[in-house]
Protein backbone atom coordinates (compact mmCIF):
# COMPACT_ATOMS: atom_id res chain seq x y z
CA MET A 1 -36.85 -18.22 11.84
CA ASN A 2 -35.05 -16.75 14.69
CA GLU A 3 -37.10 -13.84 16.22
CA GLN A 4 -34.16 -12.32 18.18
CA PRO A 5 -33.16 -8.74 17.21
CA VAL A 6 -30.50 -8.65 14.62
CA GLY A 7 -27.22 -7.02 15.63
CA VAL A 8 -27.31 -7.34 19.28
CA GLY A 9 -24.16 -9.01 20.25
CA LEU A 10 -23.84 -10.39 16.71
CA THR A 11 -20.80 -12.70 16.51
CA ILE A 12 -19.23 -14.04 13.31
CA GLY A 13 -20.84 -17.35 13.98
CA GLY A 14 -24.15 -15.61 14.56
CA LEU A 15 -23.81 -13.80 11.26
CA GLN A 16 -23.08 -17.00 9.53
CA ARG A 17 -26.17 -18.68 10.98
CA LEU A 18 -28.36 -15.54 10.24
CA ILE A 19 -27.27 -15.46 6.55
CA ARG A 20 -27.85 -19.21 6.25
CA GLU A 21 -31.33 -18.81 7.60
CA MET A 22 -32.12 -15.87 5.38
CA TYR A 23 -30.61 -17.14 2.07
CA GLY A 24 -29.44 -20.69 2.63
CA ALA A 25 -31.62 -22.33 -0.02
CA LYS A 26 -30.85 -19.62 -2.72
CA ASP A 27 -27.11 -19.70 -1.87
CA GLU A 28 -26.97 -23.56 -2.23
CA ALA A 29 -28.71 -23.28 -5.56
CA ARG A 30 -26.45 -20.58 -6.87
CA GLY A 31 -23.32 -22.56 -5.78
CA ASP A 32 -19.77 -21.42 -4.96
CA ALA A 33 -18.56 -20.28 -8.34
CA ALA A 34 -21.45 -17.76 -8.96
CA THR A 35 -21.23 -16.69 -5.30
CA PHE A 36 -17.45 -16.02 -5.60
CA LEU A 37 -18.40 -13.79 -8.67
CA TRP A 38 -20.81 -11.88 -6.46
CA LEU A 39 -18.12 -11.48 -3.78
CA SER A 40 -15.64 -10.19 -6.42
CA GLU A 41 -18.28 -7.73 -7.64
CA GLU A 42 -18.66 -6.56 -3.98
CA PHE A 43 -14.87 -5.94 -3.66
CA GLY A 44 -15.16 -3.58 -6.96
CA GLU A 45 -18.01 -1.65 -5.19
CA LEU A 46 -15.89 -1.46 -1.98
CA ALA A 47 -12.89 -0.12 -4.07
CA THR A 48 -15.18 2.57 -5.51
CA ALA A 49 -16.44 3.51 -1.96
CA LEU A 50 -12.91 3.68 -0.66
CA ARG A 51 -11.98 6.09 -3.51
CA SER A 52 -14.82 8.29 -3.58
CA GLY A 53 -17.76 7.20 -1.26
CA THR A 54 -19.20 8.51 1.88
CA ALA A 55 -18.42 7.04 5.26
CA GLU A 56 -21.85 5.37 5.28
CA GLU A 57 -21.36 3.94 1.58
CA LEU A 58 -17.92 2.60 2.70
CA ALA A 59 -19.52 0.88 5.82
CA LEU A 60 -22.31 -0.63 3.71
CA GLU A 61 -19.96 -1.99 1.05
CA MET A 62 -17.76 -3.56 3.80
CA ALA A 63 -20.83 -5.14 5.32
CA ASP A 64 -21.74 -6.51 1.82
CA VAL A 65 -18.21 -7.95 1.37
CA LEU A 66 -18.42 -9.70 4.67
CA ALA A 67 -21.94 -11.06 4.01
CA TRP A 68 -20.89 -12.51 0.68
CA LEU A 69 -17.77 -14.04 2.35
CA VAL A 70 -20.01 -15.61 4.99
CA THR A 71 -22.28 -16.95 2.13
CA LEU A 72 -19.27 -18.59 0.45
CA ALA A 73 -18.25 -20.13 3.73
CA ASN A 74 -21.72 -21.45 4.40
CA ILE A 75 -21.80 -23.05 0.72
CA ARG A 76 -18.49 -24.67 1.35
CA GLY A 77 -19.24 -25.73 5.00
CA VAL A 78 -16.54 -23.60 6.58
CA ASP A 79 -17.12 -22.46 10.20
CA LEU A 80 -15.55 -18.93 9.96
CA GLU A 81 -15.54 -18.30 13.65
CA ALA A 82 -13.56 -21.43 14.15
CA ALA A 83 -11.20 -20.78 11.40
CA ILE A 84 -10.47 -17.23 12.62
CA GLN A 85 -9.96 -18.57 16.18
CA LYS A 86 -7.54 -21.16 14.82
CA LYS A 87 -5.47 -18.73 12.64
CA TYR A 88 -5.62 -15.57 14.80
CA GLY A 89 -6.70 -16.59 18.17
CA THR A 90 -3.32 -16.85 19.79
CA GLY A 91 -1.58 -14.02 17.97
CA CYS A 92 -0.13 -13.20 14.62
CA PRO A 93 0.02 -16.24 12.38
CA GLY A 94 3.56 -15.09 11.20
CA CYS A 95 5.47 -14.04 14.34
CA HIS A 96 3.07 -15.48 16.88
CA ALA A 97 3.09 -12.44 18.94
CA LEU A 98 -0.06 -10.85 20.25
CA LEU A 99 1.27 -7.41 19.03
CA CYS A 100 2.70 -8.27 15.64
CA VAL A 101 6.46 -7.67 15.11
CA CYS A 102 6.63 -8.94 11.59
CA ASP A 103 8.48 -6.88 8.96
CA PRO A 104 5.86 -4.46 7.77
CA SER A 105 6.80 -5.13 4.06
CA GLU A 106 5.85 -8.79 4.56
CA LYS A 107 2.40 -10.36 4.77
CA PRO A 108 2.16 -12.46 7.98
């Protein structure tokens, strides 16, 4: 196990590796369908925190959603850092500008 302090300069790739190290065997055994259900449950908890939670509860639920998304990516072999760089690294995927000029009513 990596003995470096967690959180110091943690990148998305670093988070993905950390989650894999901590939970990889459990995650593989659970599979993607069950992991997606856990991710969905975390979205519900995030919705509750958005509606009536404290700032700390909201932040922790956002962290949970991200961790379960990373878990799903690990199970399916997706490098999230590379995927994010490919999709958003040169600007908005819709208008291709660094500062998005897409119609606000449309999803880029």
